[in-house]
Amino acid sequence: MTEQNKDRKLKIAKYIGENIYQYRKKKGYTREDLAEKSNLSANHIYELEMGNCMPTTITLIDICNALKISLSQIIDTKLFDNTNNLSENFLEDFIKLTEKERNSVIQLVKYMANN
């Protein structure tokens, strides 16, 4: 593995770890709580949050299920960009809308995408 790839992997591990930490705190979970809910050890949760290791896909799925969030919220494709916060806030607001309001928003987005 080249030095550039090692650096990239480290940055991604730290980014994912920070997201896990932020969502855990937002839920009010301790490391032990998340460990229990995800069938991982509290020490492993710590290592992930510190960015000391890269989580496997299964580990990420277990953590996301425990936190009741989507995988994309942890590994946003726009790393180091605030668009992840924008999309998360939009989703939270969208869920609060009535079905009629959600349909209106969807129709508006479809209309805008075609123009």
PDB file of N, CA and C in Angstrom:
ATOM      1  N   MET A   1       0.844  -1.177   0.000  1.00  0.00           N
ATOM      2  CA  MET A   1       0.000   0.000   0.000  1.00  0.00           C
ATOM      3  C   MET A   1       0.889   1.240   0.000  1.00  0.00           C
ATOM      4  N   THR A   2       0.587   2.158  -0.890  1.00  0.00           N
ATOM      5  CA  THR A   2       1.388   3.375  -0.969  1.00  0.00           C
ATOM      6  C   THR A   2       1.112   4.265   0.244  1.00  0.00           C
ATOM      7  N   GLU A   3       2.022   5.193   0.455  1.00  0.00           N
ATOM      8  CA  GLU A   3       1.876   6.128   1.576  1.00  0.00           C
ATOM      9  C   GLU A   3       0.614   6.973   1.401  1.00  0.00           C
ATOM     10  N   GLN A   4       0.317   7.349   0.164  1.00  0.00           N
ATOM     11  CA  GLN A   4      -0.876   8.147  -0.125  1.00  0.00           C
ATOM     12  C   GLN A   4      -2.141   7.360   0.231  1.00  0.00           C
ATOM     13  N   ASN A   5      -2.182   6.070  -0.096  1.00  0.00           N
ATOM     14  CA  ASN A   5      -3.332   5.231   0.236  1.00  0.00           C
ATOM     15  C   ASN A   5      -3.473   5.045   1.742  1.00  0.00           C
ATOM     16  N   LYS A   6      -2.350   4.912   2.441  1.00  0.00           N
ATOM     17  CA  LYS A   6      -2.387   4.787   3.900  1.00  0.00           C
ATOM     18  C   LYS A   6      -2.975   6.049   4.528  1.00  0.00           C
ATOM     19  N   ASP A   7      -2.540   7.210   4.028  1.00  0.00           N
ATOM     20  CA  ASP A   7      -3.062   8.476   4.544  1.00  0.00           C
ATOM     21  C   ASP A   7      -4.558   8.598   4.286  1.00  0.00           C
ATOM     22  N   ARG A   8      -4.965   8.211   3.090  1.00  0.00           N
ATOM     23  CA  ARG A   8      -6.387   8.283   2.736  1.00  0.00           C
ATOM     24  C   ARG A   8      -7.216   7.357   3.632  1.00  0.00           C
ATOM     25  N   LYS A   9      -6.712   6.147   3.835  1.00  0.00           N
ATOM     26  CA  LYS A   9      -7.420   5.187   4.689  1.00  0.00           C
ATOM     27  C   LYS A   9      -7.528   5.722   6.118  1.00  0.00           C
ATOM     28  N   LEU A  10      -6.477   6.314   6.609  1.00  0.00           N
ATOM     29  CA  LEU A  10      -6.485   6.892   7.958  1.00  0.00           C
ATOM     30  C   LEU A  10      -7.502   8.026   8.064  1.00  0.00           C
ATOM     31  N   LYS A  11      -7.543   8.905   7.064  1.00  0.00           N
ATOM     32  CA  LYS A  11      -8.501  10.020   7.074  1.00  0.00           C
ATOM     33  C   LYS A  11      -9.939   9.499   7.056  1.00  0.00           C
ATOM     34  N   ILE A  12     -10.187   8.485   6.253  1.00  0.00           N
ATOM     35  CA  ILE A  12     -11.536   7.928   6.172  1.00  0.00           C
ATOM     36  C   ILE A  12     -11.916   7.252   7.481  1.00  0.00           C
ATOM     37  N   ALA A  13     -10.986   6.494   8.076  1.00  0.00           N
ATOM     38  CA  ALA A  13     -11.255   5.835   9.357  1.00  0.00           C
ATOM     39  C   ALA A  13     -11.565   6.875  10.434  1.00  0.00           C
ATOM     40  N   LYS A  14     -10.827   7.961  10.448  1.00  0.00           N
ATOM     41  CA  LYS A  14     -11.061   9.026  11.435  1.00  0.00           C
ATOM     42  C   LYS A  14     -12.404   9.704  11.179  1.00  0.00           C
ATOM     43  N   TYR A  15     -12.745   9.919   9.925  1.00  0.00           N
ATOM     44  CA  TYR A  15     -14.022  10.544   9.572  1.00  0.00           C
ATOM     45  C   TYR A  15     -15.193   9.668  10.011  1.00  0.00           C
ATOM     46  N   ILE A  16     -15.113   8.385   9.702  1.00  0.00           N
ATOM     47  CA  ILE A  16     -16.170   7.450  10.105  1.00  0.00           C
ATOM     48  C   ILE A  16     -16.246   7.370  11.623  1.00  0.00           C
ATOM     49  N   GLY A  17     -15.100   7.291  12.277  1.00  0.00           N
ATOM     50  CA  GLY A  17     -15.059   7.226  13.732  1.00  0.00           C
ATOM     51  C   GLY A  17     -15.699   8.439  14.376  1.00  0.00           C
ATOM     52  N   GLU A  18     -15.426   9.613  13.832  1.00  0.00           N
ATOM     53  CA  GLU A  18     -16.020  10.846  14.359  1.00  0.00           C
ATOM     54  C   GLU A  18     -17.535  10.826  14.176  1.00  0.00           C
ATOM     55  N   ASN A  19     -17.998  10.330  13.034  1.00  0.00           N
ATOM     56  CA  ASN A  19     -19.441  10.239  12.807  1.00  0.00           C
ATOM     57  C   ASN A  19     -20.092   9.263  13.780  1.00  0.00           C
ATOM     58  N   ILE A  20     -19.463   8.125  14.012  1.00  0.00           N
ATOM     59  CA  ILE A  20     -19.997   7.163  14.985  1.00  0.00           C
ATOM     60  C   ILE A  20     -20.101   7.838  16.353  1.00  0.00           C
ATOM     61  N   TYR A  21     -19.037   8.520  16.743  1.00  0.00           N
ATOM     62  CA  TYR A  21     -19.023   9.216  18.038  1.00  0.00           C
ATOM     63  C   TYR A  21     -20.160  10.235  18.126  1.00  0.00           C
ATOM     64  N   GLN A  22     -20.306  11.068  17.091  1.00  0.00           N
ATOM     65  CA  GLN A  22     -21.335  12.118  17.103  1.00  0.00           C
ATOM     66  C   GLN A  22     -22.738  11.524  17.193  1.00  0.00           C
ATOM     67  N   TYR A  23     -23.017  10.480  16.414  1.00  0.00           N
ATOM     68  CA  TYR A  23     -24.345   9.876  16.461  1.00  0.00           C
ATOM     69  C   TYR A  23     -24.587   9.163  17.791  1.00  0.00           C
ATOM     70  N   ARG A  24     -23.539   8.550  18.354  1.00  0.00           N
ATOM     71  CA  ARG A  24     -23.683   7.895  19.665  1.00  0.00           C
ATOM     72  C   ARG A  24     -24.042   8.930  20.723  1.00  0.00           C
ATOM     73  N   LYS A  25     -23.330  10.042  20.715  1.00  0.00           N
ATOM     74  CA  LYS A  25     -23.593  11.105  21.691  1.00  0.00           C
ATOM     75  C   LYS A  25     -24.990  11.687  21.492  1.00  0.00           C
ATOM     76  N   LYS A  26     -25.369  11.867  20.230  1.00  0.00           N
ATOM     77  CA  LYS A  26     -26.688  12.423  19.923  1.00  0.00           C
ATOM     78  C   LYS A  26     -27.806  11.533  20.469  1.00  0.00           C
ATOM     79  N   LYS A  27     -27.587  10.225  20.467  1.00  0.00           N
ATOM     80  CA  LYS A  27     -28.568   9.285  21.007  1.00  0.00           C
ATOM     81  C   LYS A  27     -28.489   9.181  22.530  1.00  0.00           C
ATOM     82  N   GLY A  28     -27.439   9.746  23.108  1.00  0.00           N
ATOM     83  CA  GLY A  28     -27.275   9.678  24.555  1.00  0.00           C
ATOM     84  C   GLY A  28     -26.726   8.338  25.026  1.00  0.00           C
ATOM     85  N   TYR A  29     -26.081   7.605  24.123  1.00  0.00           N
ATOM     86  CA  TYR A  29     -25.526   6.296  24.467  1.00  0.00           C
ATOM     87  C   TYR A  29     -24.096   6.428  24.968  1.00  0.00           C
ATOM     88  N   THR A  30     -23.751   5.608  25.926  1.00  0.00           N
ATOM     89  CA  THR A  30     -22.349   5.447  26.316  1.00  0.00           C
ATOM     90  C   THR A  30     -21.734   4.455  25.336  1.00  0.00           C
ATOM     91  N   ARG A  31     -20.421   4.322  25.373  1.00  0.00           N
ATOM     92  CA  ARG A  31     -19.775   3.298  24.539  1.00  0.00           C
ATOM     93  C   ARG A  31     -20.303   1.912  24.902  1.00  0.00           C
ATOM     94  N   GLU A  32     -20.524   1.709  26.183  1.00  0.00           N
ATOM     95  CA  GLU A  32     -21.023   0.412  26.642  1.00  0.00           C
ATOM     96  C   GLU A  32     -22.433   0.139  26.094  1.00  0.00           C
ATOM     97  N   ASP A  33     -23.282   1.182  26.070  1.00  0.00           N
ATOM     98  CA  ASP A  33     -24.625   1.039  25.509  1.00  0.00           C
ATOM     99  C   ASP A  33     -24.554   0.631  24.041  1.00  0.00           C
ATOM    100  N   LEU A  34     -23.740   1.346  23.272  1.00  0.00           N
ATOM    101  CA  LEU A  34     -23.616   1.040  21.847  1.00  0.00           C
ATOM    102  C   LEU A  34     -23.007  -0.341  21.637  1.00  0.00           C
ATOM    103  N   ALA A  35     -22.045  -0.682  22.468  1.00  0.00           N
ATOM    104  CA  ALA A  35     -21.419  -2.003  22.352  1.00  0.00           C
ATOM    105  C   ALA A  35     -22.454  -3.104  22.561  1.00  0.00           C
ATOM    106  N   GLU A  36     -23.270  -2.952  23.572  1.00  0.00           N
ATOM    107  CA  GLU A  36     -24.294  -3.947  23.866  1.00  0.00           C
ATOM    108  C   GLU A  36     -25.307  -4.046  22.729  1.00  0.00           C
ATOM    109  N   LYS A  37     -25.740  -2.908  22.209  1.00  0.00           N
ATOM    110  CA  LYS A  37     -26.755  -2.890  21.160  1.00  0.00           C
ATOM    111  C   LYS A  37     -26.224  -3.393  19.822  1.00  0.00           C
ATOM    112  N   SER A  38     -24.920  -3.300  19.607  1.00  0.00           N
ATOM    113  CA  SER A  38     -24.330  -3.693  18.325  1.00  0.00           C
ATOM    114  C   SER A  38     -23.537  -4.999  18.405  1.00  0.00           C
ATOM    115  N   ASN A  39     -23.531  -5.637  19.577  1.00  0.00           N
ATOM    116  CA  ASN A  39     -22.789  -6.892  19.774  1.00  0.00           C
ATOM    117  C   ASN A  39     -21.288  -6.739  19.521  1.00  0.00           C
ATOM    118  N   LEU A  40     -20.762  -5.590  19.912  1.00  0.00           N
ATOM    119  CA  LEU A  40     -19.331  -5.331  19.823  1.00  0.00           C
ATOM    120  C   LEU A  40     -18.820  -5.025  21.223  1.00  0.00           C
ATOM    121  N   SER A  41     -17.511  -4.968  21.372  1.00  0.00           N
ATOM    122  CA  SER A  41     -16.968  -4.605  22.680  1.00  0.00           C
ATOM    123  C   SER A  41     -16.853  -3.090  22.774  1.00  0.00           C
ATOM    124  N   ALA A  42     -16.930  -2.577  23.990  1.00  0.00           N
ATOM    125  CA  ALA A  42     -16.775  -1.141  24.212  1.00  0.00           C
ATOM    126  C   ALA A  42     -15.389  -0.684  23.756  1.00  0.00           C
ATOM    127  N   ASN A  43     -14.387  -1.541  23.921  1.00  0.00           N
ATOM    128  CA  ASN A  43     -13.035  -1.214  23.481  1.00  0.00           C
ATOM    129  C   ASN A  43     -12.985  -1.064  21.957  1.00  0.00           C
ATOM    130  N   HIS A  44     -13.700  -1.945  21.244  1.00  0.00           N
ATOM    131  CA  HIS A  44     -13.735  -1.857  19.785  1.00  0.00           C
ATOM    132  C   HIS A  44     -14.437  -0.565  19.344  1.00  0.00           C
ATOM    133  N   ILE A  45     -15.516  -0.197  20.031  1.00  0.00           N
ATOM    134  CA  ILE A  45     -16.204   1.058  19.735  1.00  0.00           C
ATOM    135  C   ILE A  45     -15.229   2.222  19.920  1.00  0.00           C
ATOM    136  N   TYR A  46     -14.460   2.194  21.000  1.00  0.00           N
ATOM    137  CA  TYR A  46     -13.465   3.231  21.260  1.00  0.00           C
ATOM    138  C   TYR A  46     -12.456   3.315  20.109  1.00  0.00           C
ATOM    139  N   GLU A  47     -11.911   2.172  19.698  1.00  0.00           N
ATOM    140  CA  GLU A  47     -10.918   2.136  18.617  1.00  0.00           C
ATOM    141  C   GLU A  47     -11.500   2.684  17.315  1.00  0.00           C
ATOM    142  N   LEU A  48     -12.757   2.351  17.042  1.00  0.00           N
ATOM    143  CA  LEU A  48     -13.420   2.867  15.842  1.00  0.00           C
ATOM    144  C   LEU A  48     -13.596   4.377  15.927  1.00  0.00           C
ATOM    145  N   GLU A  49     -14.090   4.857  17.066  1.00  0.00           N
ATOM    146  CA  GLU A  49     -14.324   6.288  17.236  1.00  0.00           C
ATOM    147  C   GLU A  49     -13.035   7.100  17.157  1.00  0.00           C
ATOM    148  N   MET A  50     -11.943   6.542  17.581  1.00  0.00           N
ATOM    149  CA  MET A  50     -10.653   7.224  17.525  1.00  0.00           C
ATOM    150  C   MET A  50     -10.039   7.163  16.128  1.00  0.00           C
ATOM    151  N   GLY A  51     -10.636   6.348  15.254  1.00  0.00           N
ATOM    152  CA  GLY A  51     -10.096   6.198  13.905  1.00  0.00           C
ATOM    153  C   GLY A  51      -8.880   5.313  13.851  1.00  0.00           C
ATOM    154  N   ASN A  52      -8.709   4.483  14.880  1.00  0.00           N
ATOM    155  CA  ASN A  52      -7.543   3.604  14.945  1.00  0.00           C
ATOM    156  C   ASN A  52      -7.689   2.352  14.090  1.00  0.00           C
ATOM    157  N   CYS A  53      -8.909   2.074  13.635  1.00  0.00           N
ATOM    158  CA  CYS A  53      -9.127   0.922  12.764  1.00  0.00           C
ATOM    159  C   CYS A  53     -10.284   1.208  11.815  1.00  0.00           C
ATOM    160  N   MET A  54     -10.278   0.502  10.705  1.00  0.00           N
ATOM    161  CA  MET A  54     -11.326   0.663   9.700  1.00  0.00           C
ATOM    162  C   MET A  54     -12.403  -0.382   9.968  1.00  0.00           C
ATOM    163  N   PRO A  55     -13.655   0.032  10.146  1.00  0.00           N
ATOM    164  CA  PRO A  55     -14.720  -0.937  10.423  1.00  0.00           C
ATOM    165  C   PRO A  55     -15.044  -1.786   9.199  1.00  0.00           C
ATOM    166  N   THR A  56     -15.439  -3.011   9.440  1.00  0.00           N
ATOM    167  CA  THR A  56     -15.911  -3.860   8.353  1.00  0.00           C
ATOM    168  C   THR A  56     -17.336  -3.451   8.002  1.00  0.00           C
ATOM    169  N   THR A  57     -17.806  -3.928   6.893  1.00  0.00           N
ATOM    170  CA  THR A  57     -19.179  -3.626   6.480  1.00  0.00           C
ATOM    171  C   THR A  57     -20.175  -4.138   7.503  1.00  0.00           C
ATOM    172  N   ILE A  58     -19.966  -5.339   8.008  1.00  0.00           N
ATOM    173  CA  ILE A  58     -20.879  -5.925   8.996  1.00  0.00           C
ATOM    174  C   ILE A  58     -20.880  -5.086  10.276  1.00  0.00           C
ATOM    175  N   THR A  59     -19.712  -4.638  10.693  1.00  0.00           N
ATOM    176  CA  THR A  59     -19.624  -3.794  11.886  1.00  0.00           C
ATOM    177  C   THR A  59     -20.394  -2.496  11.681  1.00  0.00           C
ATOM    178  N   LEU A  60     -20.229  -1.877  10.514  1.00  0.00           N
ATOM    179  CA  LEU A  60     -20.953  -0.642  10.230  1.00  0.00           C
ATOM    180  C   LEU A  60     -22.464  -0.869  10.239  1.00  0.00           C
ATOM    181  N   ILE A  61     -22.909  -1.964   9.653  1.00  0.00           N
ATOM    182  CA  ILE A  61     -24.343  -2.276   9.634  1.00  0.00           C
ATOM    183  C   ILE A  61     -24.856  -2.459  11.058  1.00  0.00           C
ATOM    184  N   ASP A  62     -24.104  -3.184  11.878  1.00  0.00           N
ATOM    185  CA  ASP A  62     -24.516  -3.410  13.267  1.00  0.00           C
ATOM    186  C   ASP A  62     -24.591  -2.090  14.052  1.00  0.00           C
ATOM    187  N   ILE A  63     -23.618  -1.214  13.821  1.00  0.00           N
ATOM    188  CA  ILE A  63     -23.609   0.076  14.511  1.00  0.00           C
ATOM    189  C   ILE A  63     -24.784   0.934  14.039  1.00  0.00           C
ATOM    190  N   CYS A  64     -24.994   0.970  12.731  1.00  0.00           N
ATOM    191  CA  CYS A  64     -26.112   1.765  12.194  1.00  0.00           C
ATOM    192  C   CYS A  64     -27.450   1.246  12.709  1.00  0.00           C
ATOM    193  N   ASN A  65     -27.621  -0.056  12.753  1.00  0.00           N
ATOM    194  CA  ASN A  65     -28.858  -0.622  13.290  1.00  0.00           C
ATOM    195  C   ASN A  65     -29.030  -0.248  14.761  1.00  0.00           C
ATOM    196  N   ALA A  66     -27.951  -0.306  15.517  1.00  0.00           N
ATOM    197  CA  ALA A  66     -28.014   0.031  16.939  1.00  0.00           C
ATOM    198  C   ALA A  66     -28.358   1.513  17.144  1.00  0.00           C
ATOM    199  N   LEU A  67     -27.841   2.369  16.257  1.00  0.00           N
ATOM    200  CA  LEU A  67     -28.088   3.804  16.369  1.00  0.00           C
ATOM    201  C   LEU A  67     -29.362   4.233  15.640  1.00  0.00           C
ATOM    202  N   LYS A  68     -29.956   3.291  14.904  1.00  0.00           N
ATOM    203  CA  LYS A  68     -31.166   3.568  14.116  1.00  0.00           C
ATOM    204  C   LYS A  68     -30.934   4.702  13.108  1.00  0.00           C
ATOM    205  N   ILE A  69     -29.818   4.569  12.380  1.00  0.00           N
ATOM    206  CA  ILE A  69     -29.480   5.518  11.320  1.00  0.00           C
ATOM    207  C   ILE A  69     -29.111   4.729  10.077  1.00  0.00           C
ATOM    208  N   SER A  70     -29.022   5.424   8.957  1.00  0.00           N
ATOM    209  CA  SER A  70     -28.650   4.756   7.715  1.00  0.00           C
ATOM    210  C   SER A  70     -27.130   4.696   7.571  1.00  0.00           C
ATOM    211  N   LEU A  71     -26.685   3.770   6.772  1.00  0.00           N
ATOM    212  CA  LEU A  71     -25.260   3.628   6.509  1.00  0.00           C
ATOM    213  C   LEU A  71     -24.709   4.894   5.860  1.00  0.00           C
ATOM    214  N   SER A  72     -25.494   5.526   5.020  1.00  0.00           N
ATOM    215  CA  SER A  72     -25.012   6.740   4.346  1.00  0.00           C
ATOM    216  C   SER A  72     -24.755   7.873   5.337  1.00  0.00           C
ATOM    217  N   GLN A  73     -25.427   7.857   6.477  1.00  0.00           N
ATOM    218  CA  GLN A  73     -25.185   8.892   7.472  1.00  0.00           C
ATOM    219  C   GLN A  73     -23.799   8.737   8.101  1.00  0.00           C
ATOM    220  N   ILE A  74     -23.287   7.526   8.116  1.00  0.00           N
ATOM    221  CA  ILE A  74     -21.954   7.281   8.679  1.00  0.00           C
ATOM    222  C   ILE A  74     -20.867   7.482   7.628  1.00  0.00           C
ATOM    223  N   ILE A  75     -21.118   7.029   6.417  1.00  0.00           N
ATOM    224  CA  ILE A  75     -20.087   7.093   5.377  1.00  0.00           C
ATOM    225  C   ILE A  75     -20.542   7.954   4.208  1.00  0.00           C
ATOM    226  N   ASP A  76     -20.928   9.154   4.498  1.00  0.00           N
ATOM    227  CA  ASP A  76     -21.366  10.084   3.470  1.00  0.00           C
ATOM    228  C   ASP A  76     -20.348  10.109   2.335  1.00  0.00           C
ATOM    229  N   THR A  77     -20.840  10.115   1.101  1.00  0.00           N
ATOM    230  CA  THR A  77     -19.942  10.086  -0.052  1.00  0.00           C
ATOM    231  C   THR A  77     -19.203  11.394  -0.258  1.00  0.00           C
ATOM    232  N   LYS A  78     -19.635  12.444   0.381  1.00  0.00           N
ATOM    233  CA  LYS A  78     -18.965  13.735   0.249  1.00  0.00           C
ATOM    234  C   LYS A  78     -18.142  13.991   1.515  1.00  0.00           C
ATOM    235  N   LEU A  79     -17.126  13.163   1.712  1.00  0.00           N
ATOM    236  CA  LEU A  79     -16.281  13.302   2.888  1.00  0.00           C
ATOM    237  C   LEU A  79     -15.740  14.719   2.993  1.00  0.00           C
ATOM    238  N   PHE A  80     -15.638  15.180   4.226  1.00  0.00           N
ATOM    239  CA  PHE A  80     -15.091  16.483   4.566  1.00  0.00           C
ATOM    240  C   PHE A  80     -15.913  17.623   3.965  1.00  0.00           C
ATOM    241  N   ASP A  81     -17.193  17.409   3.761  1.00  0.00           N
ATOM    242  CA  ASP A  81     -18.074  18.423   3.192  1.00  0.00           C
ATOM    243  C   ASP A  81     -19.296  18.525   4.087  1.00  0.00           C
ATOM    244  N   ASN A  82     -19.836  19.689   4.255  1.00  0.00           N
ATOM    245  CA  ASN A  82     -20.980  19.877   5.141  1.00  0.00           C
ATOM    246  C   ASN A  82     -22.300  19.468   4.519  1.00  0.00           C
ATOM    247  N   THR A  83     -22.285  18.966   3.293  1.00  0.00           N
ATOM    248  CA  THR A  83     -23.545  18.576   2.668  1.00  0.00           C
ATOM    249  C   THR A  83     -24.200  17.433   3.423  1.00  0.00           C
ATOM    250  N   ASN A  84     -23.436  16.642   4.128  1.00  0.00           N
ATOM    251  CA  ASN A  84     -24.022  15.545   4.906  1.00  0.00           C
ATOM    252  C   ASN A  84     -24.955  16.116   5.975  1.00  0.00           C
ATOM    253  N   ASN A  85     -24.579  17.231   6.602  1.00  0.00           N
ATOM    254  CA  ASN A  85     -25.455  17.863   7.595  1.00  0.00           C
ATOM    255  C   ASN A  85     -26.717  18.395   6.943  1.00  0.00           C
ATOM    256  N   LEU A  86     -26.570  18.968   5.761  1.00  0.00           N
ATOM    257  CA  LEU A  86     -27.719  19.494   5.045  1.00  0.00           C
ATOM    258  C   LEU A  86     -28.707  18.383   4.717  1.00  0.00           C
ATOM    259  N   SER A  87     -28.208  17.265   4.178  1.00  0.00           N
ATOM    260  CA  SER A  87     -29.111  16.173   3.818  1.00  0.00           C
ATOM    261  C   SER A  87     -29.733  15.541   5.055  1.00  0.00           C
ATOM    262  N   GLU A  88     -28.986  15.453   6.136  1.00  0.00           N
ATOM    263  CA  GLU A  88     -29.533  14.898   7.381  1.00  0.00           C
ATOM    264  C   GLU A  88     -30.643  15.789   7.928  1.00  0.00           C
ATOM    265  N   ASN A  89     -30.404  17.100   7.934  1.00  0.00           N
ATOM    266  CA  ASN A  89     -31.422  18.035   8.420  1.00  0.00           C
ATOM    267  C   ASN A  89     -32.656  18.002   7.534  1.00  0.00           C
ATOM    268  N   PHE A  90     -32.449  17.914   6.229  1.00  0.00           N
ATOM    269  CA  PHE A  90     -33.580  17.838   5.305  1.00  0.00           C
ATOM    270  C   PHE A  90     -34.413  16.596   5.595  1.00  0.00           C
ATOM    271  N   LEU A  91     -33.744  15.458   5.780  1.00  0.00           N
ATOM    272  CA  LEU A  91     -34.463  14.210   6.047  1.00  0.00           C
ATOM    273  C   LEU A  91     -35.256  14.313   7.346  1.00  0.00           C
ATOM    274  N   GLU A  92     -34.671  14.872   8.377  1.00  0.00           N
ATOM    275  CA  GLU A  92     -35.372  15.024   9.654  1.00  0.00           C
ATOM    276  C   GLU A  92     -36.619  15.890   9.492  1.00  0.00           C
ATOM    277  N   ASP A  93     -36.490  16.983   8.734  1.00  0.00           N
ATOM    278  CA  ASP A  93     -37.638  17.864   8.499  1.00  0.00           C
ATOM    279  C   ASP A  93     -38.671  17.194   7.592  1.00  0.00           C
ATOM    280  N   PHE A  94     -38.200  16.482   6.578  1.00  0.00           N
ATOM    281  CA  PHE A  94     -39.091  15.819   5.627  1.00  0.00           C
ATOM    282  C   PHE A  94     -39.979  14.793   6.327  1.00  0.00           C
ATOM    283  N   ILE A  95     -39.404  14.053   7.251  1.00  0.00           N
ATOM    284  CA  ILE A  95     -40.149  13.024   7.987  1.00  0.00           C
ATOM    285  C   ILE A  95     -41.278  13.645   8.809  1.00  0.00           C
ATOM    286  N   LYS A  96     -41.108  14.872   9.258  1.00  0.00           N
ATOM    287  CA  LYS A  96     -42.124  15.543  10.079  1.00  0.00           C
ATOM    288  C   LYS A  96     -43.329  16.011   9.263  1.00  0.00           C
ATOM    289  N   LEU A  97     -43.185  16.066   7.937  1.00  0.00           N
ATOM    290  CA  LEU A  97     -44.271  16.543   7.089  1.00  0.00           C
ATOM    291  C   LEU A  97     -45.405  15.526   7.014  1.00  0.00           C
ATOM    292  N   THR A  98     -46.583  16.028   6.683  1.00  0.00           N
ATOM    293  CA  THR A  98     -47.713  15.119   6.437  1.00  0.00           C
ATOM    294  C   THR A  98     -47.464  14.410   5.112  1.00  0.00           C
ATOM    295  N   GLU A  99     -48.213  13.360   4.851  1.00  0.00           N
ATOM    296  CA  GLU A  99     -48.048  12.632   3.593  1.00  0.00           C
ATOM    297  C   GLU A  99     -48.310  13.546   2.396  1.00  0.00           C
ATOM    298  N   LYS A 100     -49.323  14.380   2.501  1.00  0.00           N
ATOM    299  CA  LYS A 100     -49.660  15.311   1.416  1.00  0.00           C
ATOM    300  C   LYS A 100     -48.509  16.290   1.175  1.00  0.00           C
ATOM    301  N   GLU A 101     -47.918  16.797   2.251  1.00  0.00           N
ATOM    302  CA  GLU A 101     -46.803  17.730   2.120  1.00  0.00           C
ATOM    303  C   GLU A 101     -45.572  17.040   1.521  1.00  0.00           C
ATOM    304  N   ARG A 102     -45.321  15.792   1.946  1.00  0.00           N
ATOM    305  CA  ARG A 102     -44.193  15.033   1.389  1.00  0.00           C
ATOM    306  C   ARG A 102     -44.387  14.824  -0.110  1.00  0.00           C
ATOM    307  N   ASN A 103     -45.597  14.479  -0.513  1.00  0.00           N
ATOM    308  CA  ASN A 103     -45.872  14.277  -1.938  1.00  0.00           C
ATOM    309  C   ASN A 103     -45.662  15.566  -2.723  1.00  0.00           C
ATOM    310  N   SER A 104     -46.048  16.690  -2.152  1.00  0.00           N
ATOM    311  CA  SER A 104     -45.840  17.984  -2.806  1.00  0.00           C
ATOM    312  C   SER A 104     -44.348  18.272  -2.992  1.00  0.00           C
ATOM    313  N   VAL A 105     -43.563  17.989  -1.967  1.00  0.00           N
ATOM    314  CA  VAL A 105     -42.118  18.197  -2.054  1.00  0.00           C
ATOM    315  C   VAL A 105     -41.525  17.290  -3.134  1.00  0.00           C
ATOM    316  N   ILE A 106     -41.942  16.041  -3.157  1.00  0.00           N
ATOM    317  CA  ILE A 106     -41.439  15.097  -4.160  1.00  0.00           C
ATOM    318  C   ILE A 106     -41.785  15.580  -5.562  1.00  0.00           C
ATOM    319  N   GLN A 107     -43.022  16.034  -5.761  1.00  0.00           N
ATOM    320  CA  GLN A 107     -43.429  16.527  -7.067  1.00  0.00           C
ATOM    321  C   GLN A 107     -42.608  17.766  -7.471  1.00  0.00           C
ATOM    322  N   LEU A 108     -42.353  18.652  -6.522  1.00  0.00           N
ATOM    323  CA  LEU A 108     -41.561  19.837  -6.792  1.00  0.00           C
ATOM    324  C   LEU A 108     -40.140  19.456  -7.205  1.00  0.00           C
ATOM    325  N   VAL A 109     -39.534  18.528  -6.492  1.00  0.00           N
ATOM    326  CA  VAL A 109     -38.182  18.089  -6.816  1.00  0.00           C
ATOM    327  C   VAL A 109     -38.154  17.451  -8.200  1.00  0.00           C
ATOM    328  N   LYS A 110     -39.132  16.611  -8.514  1.00  0.00           N
ATOM    329  CA  LYS A 110     -39.209  15.988  -9.843  1.00  0.00           C
ATOM    330  C   LYS A 110     -39.329  17.066 -10.931  1.00  0.00           C
ATOM    331  N   TYR A 111     -40.179  18.061 -10.679  1.00  0.00           N
ATOM    332  CA  TYR A 111     -40.372  19.144 -11.636  1.00  0.00           C
ATOM    333  C   TYR A 111     -39.051  19.894 -11.862  1.00  0.00           C
ATOM    334  N   MET A 112     -38.362  20.208 -10.765  1.00  0.00           N
ATOM    335  CA  MET A 112     -37.099  20.951 -10.862  1.00  0.00           C
ATOM    336  C   MET A 112     -36.025  20.133 -11.562  1.00  0.00           C
ATOM    337  N   ALA A 113     -36.015  18.830 -11.355  1.00  0.00           N
ATOM    338  CA  ALA A 113     -35.009  17.963 -11.977  1.00  0.00           C
ATOM    339  C   ALA A 113     -35.199  17.888 -13.484  1.00  0.00           C
ATOM    340  N   ASN A 114     -36.425  18.038 -13.948  1.00  0.00           N
ATOM    341  CA  ASN A 114     -36.704  17.950 -15.377  1.00  0.00           C
ATOM    342  C   ASN A 114     -36.552  19.282 -16.099  1.00  0.00           C
ATOM    343  N   ASN A 115     -36.343  20.363 -15.383  1.00  0.00           N
ATOM    344  CA  ASN A 115     -36.214  21.683 -16.003  1.00  0.00           C
ATOM    345  C   ASN A 115     -34.833  22.243 -15.876  1.00  0.00           C
TER     346      ASN A 115
END
